Amino acid sequence: MKSTKFILNKQKNIQNHFILVGLTERYNESLLLLKNLLSWKPPTYSIANAVKRDKKTTQIDSQLKDLIIEYNQIDFQLYDYVSVLFDEQIEKYPIIRN
């Protein structure tokens, strides 16, 4: 199956060529992990241009949601893979955990 070969190739590429793939929803942890991996000084940053969302943007029709999931299976598989790798890296640096 082409998608299985594709995802395995992407996973191998991530393992061999990246020290970290951060997660947007875990930005603070990603930044702190990067700091530890690269021996950087503690980062200072502020949130700018953050989008405030109202309830309309979080409500998706169930048929549309199913269609999005169907067409993005490779992305979901890759995200799941990266999430596991991220958790494994975080476990090596317990100070990052709250």
PDB file of N, CA and C in Angstrom:
ATOM      1  N   MET A   1       0.849  -1.186   0.000  1.00  0.00           N
ATOM      2  CA  MET A   1       0.000   0.000   0.000  1.00  0.00           C
ATOM      3  C   MET A   1       0.890   1.243   0.000  1.00  0.00           C
ATOM      4  N   LYS A   2       0.609   2.154  -0.889  1.00  0.00           N
ATOM      5  CA  LYS A   2       1.428   3.344  -1.052  1.00  0.00           C
ATOM      6  C   LYS A   2       1.444   4.217   0.208  1.00  0.00           C
ATOM      7  N   SER A   3       0.322   4.396   0.863  1.00  0.00           N
ATOM      8  CA  SER A   3       0.278   5.259   2.037  1.00  0.00           C
ATOM      9  C   SER A   3       1.115   4.698   3.187  1.00  0.00           C
ATOM     10  N   THR A   4       1.146   3.368   3.337  1.00  0.00           N
ATOM     11  CA  THR A   4       1.950   2.752   4.389  1.00  0.00           C
ATOM     12  C   THR A   4       3.433   2.982   4.115  1.00  0.00           C
ATOM     13  N   LYS A   5       3.841   2.805   2.875  1.00  0.00           N
ATOM     14  CA  LYS A   5       5.227   3.043   2.491  1.00  0.00           C
ATOM     15  C   LYS A   5       5.595   4.512   2.716  1.00  0.00           C
ATOM     16  N   PHE A   6       4.684   5.391   2.356  1.00  0.00           N
ATOM     17  CA  PHE A   6       4.904   6.826   2.501  1.00  0.00           C
ATOM     18  C   PHE A   6       5.098   7.200   3.967  1.00  0.00           C
ATOM     19  N   ILE A   7       4.225   6.715   4.826  1.00  0.00           N
ATOM     20  CA  ILE A   7       4.294   7.072   6.245  1.00  0.00           C
ATOM     21  C   ILE A   7       5.556   6.483   6.885  1.00  0.00           C
ATOM     22  N   LEU A   8       5.928   5.286   6.512  1.00  0.00           N
ATOM     23  CA  LEU A   8       7.149   4.682   7.047  1.00  0.00           C
ATOM     24  C   LEU A   8       8.382   5.473   6.620  1.00  0.00           C
ATOM     25  N   ASN A   9       8.385   5.963   5.387  1.00  0.00           N
ATOM     26  CA  ASN A   9       9.474   6.789   4.897  1.00  0.00           C
ATOM     27  C   ASN A   9       9.559   8.101   5.678  1.00  0.00           C
ATOM     28  N   LYS A  10       8.419   8.711   5.957  1.00  0.00           N
ATOM     29  CA  LYS A  10       8.389   9.958   6.729  1.00  0.00           C
ATOM     30  C   LYS A  10       8.871   9.728   8.159  1.00  0.00           C
ATOM     31  N   GLN A  11       8.456   8.630   8.752  1.00  0.00           N
ATOM     32  CA  GLN A  11       8.886   8.316  10.113  1.00  0.00           C
ATOM     33  C   GLN A  11      10.405   8.123  10.170  1.00  0.00           C
ATOM     34  N   LYS A  12      10.940   7.405   9.200  1.00  0.00           N
ATOM     35  CA  LYS A  12      12.383   7.193   9.130  1.00  0.00           C
ATOM     36  C   LYS A  12      13.108   8.518   8.947  1.00  0.00           C
ATOM     37  N   ASN A  13      12.576   9.382   8.109  1.00  0.00           N
ATOM     38  CA  ASN A  13      13.162  10.693   7.870  1.00  0.00           C
ATOM     39  C   ASN A  13      13.186  11.518   9.157  1.00  0.00           C
ATOM     40  N   ILE A  14      12.102  11.492   9.910  1.00  0.00           N
ATOM     41  CA  ILE A  14      12.025  12.226  11.180  1.00  0.00           C
ATOM     42  C   ILE A  14      13.082  11.695  12.153  1.00  0.00           C
ATOM     43  N   GLN A  15      13.176  10.386  12.274  1.00  0.00           N
ATOM     44  CA  GLN A  15      14.144   9.790  13.208  1.00  0.00           C
ATOM     45  C   GLN A  15      15.584  10.118  12.825  1.00  0.00           C
ATOM     46  N   ASN A  16      15.878  10.133  11.541  1.00  0.00           N
ATOM     47  CA  ASN A  16      17.254  10.291  11.086  1.00  0.00           C
ATOM     48  C   ASN A  16      17.722  11.731  10.910  1.00  0.00           C
ATOM     49  N   HIS A  17      16.801  12.674  10.761  1.00  0.00           N
ATOM     50  CA  HIS A  17      17.209  14.020  10.373  1.00  0.00           C
ATOM     51  C   HIS A  17      16.737  15.149  11.291  1.00  0.00           C
ATOM     52  N   PHE A  18      15.968  14.844  12.309  1.00  0.00           N
ATOM     53  CA  PHE A  18      15.456  15.891  13.191  1.00  0.00           C
ATOM     54  C   PHE A  18      15.764  15.558  14.641  1.00  0.00           C
ATOM     55  N   ILE A  19      16.212  16.561  15.386  1.00  0.00           N
ATOM     56  CA  ILE A  19      16.421  16.324  16.820  1.00  0.00           C
ATOM     57  C   ILE A  19      15.116  16.477  17.592  1.00  0.00           C
ATOM     58  N   LEU A  20      14.172  17.193  17.006  1.00  0.00           N
ATOM     59  CA  LEU A  20      12.885  17.430  17.668  1.00  0.00           C
ATOM     60  C   LEU A  20      11.843  17.840  16.645  1.00  0.00           C
ATOM     61  N   VAL A  21      10.668  17.312  16.804  1.00  0.00           N
ATOM     62  CA  VAL A  21       9.500  17.821  16.086  1.00  0.00           C
ATOM     63  C   VAL A  21       8.541  18.255  17.176  1.00  0.00           C
ATOM     64  N   GLY A  22       8.394  19.580  17.346  1.00  0.00           N
ATOM     65  CA  GLY A  22       7.539  20.116  18.392  1.00  0.00           C
ATOM     66  C   GLY A  22       6.071  20.063  18.020  1.00  0.00           C
ATOM     67  N   LEU A  23       5.243  20.218  19.021  1.00  0.00           N
ATOM     68  CA  LEU A  23       3.797  20.210  18.829  1.00  0.00           C
ATOM     69  C   LEU A  23       3.234  21.581  19.200  1.00  0.00           C
ATOM     70  N   THR A  24       2.437  22.140  18.333  1.00  0.00           N
ATOM     71  CA  THR A  24       1.886  23.475  18.552  1.00  0.00           C
ATOM     72  C   THR A  24       1.134  23.558  19.867  1.00  0.00           C
ATOM     73  N   GLU A  25       0.320  22.570  20.157  1.00  0.00           N
ATOM     74  CA  GLU A  25      -0.485  22.621  21.373  1.00  0.00           C
ATOM     75  C   GLU A  25       0.356  22.387  22.626  1.00  0.00           C
ATOM     76  N   ARG A  26       1.609  22.018  22.427  1.00  0.00           N
ATOM     77  CA  ARG A  26       2.535  21.839  23.545  1.00  0.00           C
ATOM     78  C   ARG A  26       3.770  22.713  23.303  1.00  0.00           C
ATOM     79  N   TYR A  27       3.500  23.941  22.899  1.00  0.00           N
ATOM     80  CA  TYR A  27       4.553  24.876  22.508  1.00  0.00           C
ATOM     81  C   TYR A  27       5.560  25.114  23.626  1.00  0.00           C
ATOM     82  N   ASN A  28       5.083  25.363  24.828  1.00  0.00           N
ATOM     83  CA  ASN A  28       5.996  25.640  25.949  1.00  0.00           C
ATOM     84  C   ASN A  28       6.936  24.463  26.188  1.00  0.00           C
ATOM     85  N   GLU A  29       6.393  23.261  26.198  1.00  0.00           N
ATOM     86  CA  GLU A  29       7.227  22.081  26.390  1.00  0.00           C
ATOM     87  C   GLU A  29       8.200  21.905  25.228  1.00  0.00           C
ATOM     88  N   SER A  30       7.731  22.172  24.000  1.00  0.00           N
ATOM     89  CA  SER A  30       8.589  22.059  22.823  1.00  0.00           C
ATOM     90  C   SER A  30       9.770  23.009  22.931  1.00  0.00           C
ATOM     91  N   LEU A  31       9.496  24.227  23.332  1.00  0.00           N
ATOM     92  CA  LEU A  31      10.548  25.232  23.457  1.00  0.00           C
ATOM     93  C   LEU A  31      11.551  24.856  24.552  1.00  0.00           C
ATOM     94  N   LEU A  32      11.047  24.398  25.695  1.00  0.00           N
ATOM     95  CA  LEU A  32      11.937  23.990  26.785  1.00  0.00           C
ATOM     96  C   LEU A  32      12.756  22.754  26.427  1.00  0.00           C
ATOM     97  N   LEU A  33      12.140  21.835  25.701  1.00  0.00           N
ATOM     98  CA  LEU A  33      12.867  20.654  25.264  1.00  0.00           C
ATOM     99  C   LEU A  33      13.976  21.040  24.283  1.00  0.00           C
ATOM    100  N   LEU A  34      13.675  21.927  23.373  1.00  0.00           N
ATOM    101  CA  LEU A  34      14.677  22.405  22.431  1.00  0.00           C
ATOM    102  C   LEU A  34      15.824  23.092  23.169  1.00  0.00           C
ATOM    103  N   LYS A  35      15.485  23.869  24.178  1.00  0.00           N
ATOM    104  CA  LYS A  35      16.495  24.527  25.013  1.00  0.00           C
ATOM    105  C   LYS A  35      17.437  23.483  25.619  1.00  0.00           C
ATOM    106  N   ASN A  36      16.886  22.415  26.168  1.00  0.00           N
ATOM    107  CA  ASN A  36      17.703  21.368  26.770  1.00  0.00           C
ATOM    108  C   ASN A  36      18.533  20.613  25.741  1.00  0.00           C
ATOM    109  N   LEU A  37      17.940  20.293  24.609  1.00  0.00           N
ATOM    110  CA  LEU A  37      18.649  19.542  23.577  1.00  0.00           C
ATOM    111  C   LEU A  37      19.824  20.312  22.998  1.00  0.00           C
ATOM    112  N   LEU A  38      19.680  21.641  22.907  1.00  0.00           N
ATOM    113  CA  LEU A  38      20.720  22.465  22.294  1.00  0.00           C
ATOM    114  C   LEU A  38      21.544  23.260  23.304  1.00  0.00           C
ATOM    115  N   SER A  39      21.285  23.021  24.590  1.00  0.00           N
ATOM    116  CA  SER A  39      21.993  23.726  25.672  1.00  0.00           C
ATOM    117  C   SER A  39      21.890  25.245  25.540  1.00  0.00           C
ATOM    118  N   TRP A  40      20.703  25.708  25.231  1.00  0.00           N
ATOM    119  CA  TRP A  40      20.448  27.142  25.124  1.00  0.00           C
ATOM    120  C   TRP A  40      20.171  27.727  26.496  1.00  0.00           C
ATOM    121  N   LYS A  41      20.267  29.050  26.594  1.00  0.00           N
ATOM    122  CA  LYS A  41      19.834  29.753  27.794  1.00  0.00           C
ATOM    123  C   LYS A  41      18.307  29.677  27.848  1.00  0.00           C
ATOM    124  N   PRO A  42      17.720  29.857  29.045  1.00  0.00           N
ATOM    125  CA  PRO A  42      16.254  29.822  29.133  1.00  0.00           C
ATOM    126  C   PRO A  42      15.623  30.853  28.180  1.00  0.00           C
ATOM    127  N   PRO A  43      14.655  30.423  27.388  1.00  0.00           N
ATOM    128  CA  PRO A  43      14.037  31.340  26.428  1.00  0.00           C
ATOM    129  C   PRO A  43      13.083  32.323  27.092  1.00  0.00           C
ATOM    130  N   THR A  44      13.002  33.507  26.502  1.00  0.00           N
ATOM    131  CA  THR A  44      12.019  34.495  26.906  1.00  0.00           C
ATOM    132  C   THR A  44      11.207  34.826  25.664  1.00  0.00           C
ATOM    133  N   TYR A  45       9.911  34.760  25.775  1.00  0.00           N
ATOM    134  CA  TYR A  45       9.063  35.063  24.629  1.00  0.00           C
ATOM    135  C   TYR A  45       7.710  35.550  25.122  1.00  0.00           C
ATOM    136  N   SER A  46       6.974  36.139  24.214  1.00  0.00           N
ATOM    137  CA  SER A  46       5.606  36.550  24.529  1.00  0.00           C
ATOM    138  C   SER A  46       4.708  36.116  23.386  1.00  0.00           C
ATOM    139  N   ILE A  47       3.467  35.933  23.694  1.00  0.00           N
ATOM    140  CA  ILE A  47       2.494  35.510  22.683  1.00  0.00           C
ATOM    141  C   ILE A  47       1.981  36.753  21.962  1.00  0.00           C
ATOM    142  N   ALA A  48       2.089  36.736  20.652  1.00  0.00           N
ATOM    143  CA  ALA A  48       1.620  37.859  19.837  1.00  0.00           C
ATOM    144  C   ALA A  48       0.754  37.324  18.711  1.00  0.00           C
ATOM    145  N   ASN A  49      -0.171  38.113  18.292  1.00  0.00           N
ATOM    146  CA  ASN A  49      -1.047  37.760  17.165  1.00  0.00           C
ATOM    147  C   ASN A  49      -1.831  36.472  17.378  1.00  0.00           C
ATOM    148  N   ALA A  50      -2.179  36.179  18.610  1.00  0.00           N
ATOM    149  CA  ALA A  50      -2.982  34.998  18.895  1.00  0.00           C
ATOM    150  C   ALA A  50      -4.417  35.241  18.438  1.00  0.00           C
ATOM    151  N   VAL A  51      -4.981  34.241  17.815  1.00  0.00           N
ATOM    152  CA  VAL A  51      -6.348  34.358  17.303  1.00  0.00           C
ATOM    153  C   VAL A  51      -7.320  33.893  18.375  1.00  0.00           C
ATOM    154  N   LYS A  52      -8.290  34.727  18.679  1.00  0.00           N
ATOM    155  CA  LYS A  52      -9.346  34.318  19.602  1.00  0.00           C
ATOM    156  C   LYS A  52     -10.435  33.650  18.778  1.00  0.00           C
ATOM    157  N   ARG A  53     -10.866  32.511  19.220  1.00  0.00           N
ATOM    158  CA  ARG A  53     -11.874  31.751  18.474  1.00  0.00           C
ATOM    159  C   ARG A  53     -13.216  31.826  19.198  1.00  0.00           C
ATOM    160  N   ASP A  54     -14.254  31.933  18.405  1.00  0.00           N
ATOM    161  CA  ASP A  54     -15.579  31.878  18.999  1.00  0.00           C
ATOM    162  C   ASP A  54     -16.148  30.473  18.796  1.00  0.00           C
ATOM    163  N   LYS A  55     -17.307  30.218  19.341  1.00  0.00           N
ATOM    164  CA  LYS A  55     -17.889  28.878  19.283  1.00  0.00           C
ATOM    165  C   LYS A  55     -18.183  28.426  17.856  1.00  0.00           C
ATOM    166  N   LYS A  56     -18.439  29.347  16.949  1.00  0.00           N
ATOM    167  CA  LYS A  56     -18.752  28.971  15.573  1.00  0.00           C
ATOM    168  C   LYS A  56     -17.601  28.217  14.913  1.00  0.00           C
ATOM    169  N   THR A  57     -16.378  28.587  15.227  1.00  0.00           N
ATOM    170  CA  THR A  57     -15.239  27.936  14.584  1.00  0.00           C
ATOM    171  C   THR A  57     -14.934  26.562  15.166  1.00  0.00           C
ATOM    172  N   THR A  58     -15.492  26.238  16.314  1.00  0.00           N
ATOM    173  CA  THR A  58     -15.225  24.934  16.913  1.00  0.00           C
ATOM    174  C   THR A  58     -16.334  23.925  16.608  1.00  0.00           C
ATOM    175  N   GLN A  59     -17.426  24.365  16.011  1.00  0.00           N
ATOM    176  CA  GLN A  59     -18.525  23.466  15.692  1.00  0.00           C
ATOM    177  C   GLN A  59     -18.431  23.039  14.229  1.00  0.00           C
ATOM    178  N   ILE A  60     -18.216  21.737  14.026  1.00  0.00           N
ATOM    179  CA  ILE A  60     -18.108  21.193  12.672  1.00  0.00           C
ATOM    180  C   ILE A  60     -19.171  20.114  12.507  1.00  0.00           C
ATOM    181  N   ASP A  61     -19.839  20.154  11.390  1.00  0.00           N
ATOM    182  CA  ASP A  61     -20.827  19.144  11.053  1.00  0.00           C
ATOM    183  C   ASP A  61     -20.162  17.763  11.100  1.00  0.00           C
ATOM    184  N   SER A  62     -20.840  16.755  11.618  1.00  0.00           N
ATOM    185  CA  SER A  62     -20.241  15.425  11.785  1.00  0.00           C
ATOM    186  C   SER A  62     -19.840  14.791  10.455  1.00  0.00           C
ATOM    187  N   GLN A  63     -20.619  15.018   9.396  1.00  0.00           N
ATOM    188  CA  GLN A  63     -20.253  14.481   8.082  1.00  0.00           C
ATOM    189  C   GLN A  63     -18.975  15.128   7.569  1.00  0.00           C
ATOM    190  N   LEU A  64     -18.860  16.434   7.761  1.00  0.00           N
ATOM    191  CA  LEU A  64     -17.655  17.138   7.337  1.00  0.00           C
ATOM    192  C   LEU A  64     -16.458  16.662   8.149  1.00  0.00           C
ATOM    193  N   LYS A  65     -16.653  16.470   9.441  1.00  0.00           N
ATOM    194  CA  LYS A  65     -15.572  15.986  10.299  1.00  0.00           C
ATOM    195  C   LYS A  65     -15.097  14.606   9.836  1.00  0.00           C
ATOM    196  N   ASP A  66     -16.032  13.720   9.515  1.00  0.00           N
ATOM    197  CA  ASP A  66     -15.680  12.383   9.025  1.00  0.00           C
ATOM    198  C   ASP A  66     -14.905  12.464   7.709  1.00  0.00           C
ATOM    199  N   LEU A  67     -15.308  13.363   6.843  1.00  0.00           N
ATOM    200  CA  LEU A  67     -14.631  13.554   5.557  1.00  0.00           C
ATOM    201  C   LEU A  67     -13.207  14.072   5.761  1.00  0.00           C
ATOM    202  N   ILE A  68     -13.048  15.013   6.670  1.00  0.00           N
ATOM    203  CA  ILE A  68     -11.716  15.555   6.987  1.00  0.00           C
ATOM    204  C   ILE A  68     -10.816  14.434   7.508  1.00  0.00           C
ATOM    205  N   ILE A  69     -11.343  13.625   8.397  1.00  0.00           N
ATOM    206  CA  ILE A  69     -10.575  12.505   8.960  1.00  0.00           C
ATOM    207  C   ILE A  69     -10.193  11.515   7.856  1.00  0.00           C
ATOM    208  N   GLU A  70     -11.124  11.210   6.991  1.00  0.00           N
ATOM    209  CA  GLU A  70     -10.866  10.259   5.898  1.00  0.00           C
ATOM    210  C   GLU A  70      -9.750  10.752   4.975  1.00  0.00           C
ATOM    211  N   TYR A  71      -9.782  12.016   4.612  1.00  0.00           N
ATOM    212  CA  TYR A  71      -8.809  12.557   3.666  1.00  0.00           C
ATOM    213  C   TYR A  71      -7.461  12.906   4.299  1.00  0.00           C
ATOM    214  N   ASN A  72      -7.378  12.841   5.598  1.00  0.00           N
ATOM    215  CA  ASN A  72      -6.140  13.217   6.282  1.00  0.00           C
ATOM    216  C   ASN A  72      -5.555  12.090   7.123  1.00  0.00           C
ATOM    217  N   GLN A  73      -5.820  10.863   6.749  1.00  0.00           N
ATOM    218  CA  GLN A  73      -5.342   9.723   7.517  1.00  0.00           C
ATOM    219  C   GLN A  73      -3.823   9.703   7.677  1.00  0.00           C
ATOM    220  N   ILE A  74      -3.089  10.012   6.630  1.00  0.00           N
ATOM    221  CA  ILE A  74      -1.628  10.010   6.716  1.00  0.00           C
ATOM    222  C   ILE A  74      -1.157  11.064   7.694  1.00  0.00           C
ATOM    223  N   ASP A  75      -1.781  12.240   7.655  1.00  0.00           N
ATOM    224  CA  ASP A  75      -1.421  13.302   8.604  1.00  0.00           C
ATOM    225  C   ASP A  75      -1.685  12.869  10.043  1.00  0.00           C
ATOM    226  N   PHE A  76      -2.813  12.209  10.277  1.00  0.00           N
ATOM    227  CA  PHE A  76      -3.139  11.750  11.622  1.00  0.00           C
ATOM    228  C   PHE A  76      -2.146  10.688  12.096  1.00  0.00           C
ATOM    229  N   GLN A  77      -1.767   9.782  11.206  1.00  0.00           N
ATOM    230  CA  GLN A  77      -0.795   8.748  11.565  1.00  0.00           C
ATOM    231  C   GLN A  77       0.560   9.369  11.894  1.00  0.00           C
ATOM    232  N   LEU A  78       0.961  10.325  11.088  1.00  0.00           N
ATOM    233  CA  LEU A  78       2.235  10.996  11.323  1.00  0.00           C
ATOM    234  C   LEU A  78       2.196  11.785  12.631  1.00  0.00           C
ATOM    235  N   TYR A  79       1.086  12.454  12.894  1.00  0.00           N
ATOM    236  CA  TYR A  79       0.925  13.196  14.147  1.00  0.00           C
ATOM    237  C   TYR A  79       1.010  12.253  15.354  1.00  0.00           C
ATOM    238  N   ASP A  80       0.340  11.119  15.271  1.00  0.00           N
ATOM    239  CA  ASP A  80       0.378  10.144  16.365  1.00  0.00           C
ATOM    240  C   ASP A  80       1.810   9.666  16.613  1.00  0.00           C
ATOM    241  N   TYR A  81       2.526   9.411  15.534  1.00  0.00           N
ATOM    242  CA  TYR A  81       3.912   8.967  15.640  1.00  0.00           C
ATOM    243  C   TYR A  81       4.774  10.033  16.311  1.00  0.00           C
ATOM    244  N   VAL A  82       4.641  11.272  15.860  1.00  0.00           N
ATOM    245  CA  VAL A  82       5.426  12.376  16.420  1.00  0.00           C
ATOM    246  C   VAL A  82       5.049  12.614  17.885  1.00  0.00           C
ATOM    247  N   SER A  83       3.787  12.479  18.228  1.00  0.00           N
ATOM    248  CA  SER A  83       3.345  12.661  19.616  1.00  0.00           C
ATOM    249  C   SER A  83       4.019  11.666  20.549  1.00  0.00           C
ATOM    250  N   VAL A  84       4.129  10.419  20.106  1.00  0.00           N
ATOM    251  CA  VAL A  84       4.791   9.396  20.906  1.00  0.00           C
ATOM    252  C   VAL A  84       6.277   9.734  21.065  1.00  0.00           C
ATOM    253  N   LEU A  85       6.927  10.118  19.967  1.00  0.00           N
ATOM    254  CA  LEU A  85       8.335  10.509  20.042  1.00  0.00           C
ATOM    255  C   LEU A  85       8.525  11.694  20.991  1.00  0.00           C
ATOM    256  N   PHE A  86       7.625  12.659  20.897  1.00  0.00           N
ATOM    257  CA  PHE A  86       7.705  13.846  21.738  1.00  0.00           C
ATOM    258  C   PHE A  86       7.595  13.460  23.210  1.00  0.00           C
ATOM    259  N   ASP A  87       6.622  12.614  23.532  1.00  0.00           N
ATOM    260  CA  ASP A  87       6.457  12.162  24.921  1.00  0.00           C
ATOM    261  C   ASP A  87       7.701  11.430  25.418  1.00  0.00           C
ATOM    262  N   GLU A  88       8.310  10.624  24.553  1.00  0.00           N
ATOM    263  CA  GLU A  88       9.527   9.911  24.939  1.00  0.00           C
ATOM    264  C   GLU A  88      10.652  10.891  25.241  1.00  0.00           C
ATOM    265  N   GLN A  89      10.771  11.934  24.439  1.00  0.00           N
ATOM    266  CA  GLN A  89      11.815  12.923  24.677  1.00  0.00           C
ATOM    267  C   GLN A  89      11.538  13.715  25.956  1.00  0.00           C
ATOM    268  N   ILE A  90      10.295  14.052  26.199  1.00  0.00           N
ATOM    269  CA  ILE A  90       9.922  14.786  27.408  1.00  0.00           C
ATOM    270  C   ILE A  90      10.259  13.962  28.652  1.00  0.00           C
ATOM    271  N   GLU A  91      10.059  12.653  28.578  1.00  0.00           N
ATOM    272  CA  GLU A  91      10.349  11.776  29.722  1.00  0.00           C
ATOM    273  C   GLU A  91      11.828  11.817  30.102  1.00  0.00           C
ATOM    274  N   LYS A  92      12.696  12.117  29.152  1.00  0.00           N
ATOM    275  CA  LYS A  92      14.129  12.200  29.442  1.00  0.00           C
ATOM    276  C   LYS A  92      14.482  13.462  30.228  1.00  0.00           C
ATOM    277  N   TYR A  93      13.585  14.448  30.206  1.00  0.00           N
ATOM    278  CA  TYR A  93      13.803  15.723  30.891  1.00  0.00           C
ATOM    279  C   TYR A  93      12.630  16.012  31.824  1.00  0.00           C
ATOM    280  N   PRO A  94      12.548  15.325  32.967  1.00  0.00           N
ATOM    281  CA  PRO A  94      11.397  15.476  33.858  1.00  0.00           C
ATOM    282  C   PRO A  94      11.182  16.899  34.355  1.00  0.00           C
ATOM    283  N   ILE A  95      12.190  17.728  34.334  1.00  0.00           N
ATOM    284  CA  ILE A  95      12.044  19.113  34.808  1.00  0.00           C
ATOM    285  C   ILE A  95      11.062  19.885  33.936  1.00  0.00           C
ATOM    286  N   ILE A  96      10.875  19.449  32.700  1.00  0.00           N
ATOM    287  CA  ILE A  96       9.971  20.132  31.773  1.00  0.00           C
ATOM    288  C   ILE A  96       8.521  19.893  32.164  1.00  0.00           C
ATOM    289  N   ARG A  97       8.251  18.723  32.687  1.00  0.00           N
ATOM    290  CA  ARG A  97       6.876  18.403  33.099  1.00  0.00           C
ATOM    291  C   ARG A  97       6.451  19.274  34.259  1.00  0.00           C
ATOM    292  N   ASN A  98       5.170  19.670  34.249  1.00  0.00           N
ATOM    293  CA  ASN A  98       4.627  20.445  35.374  1.00  0.00           C
ATOM    294  C   ASN A  98       4.292  19.555  36.543  1.00  0.00           C
TER     295      ASN A  98
END
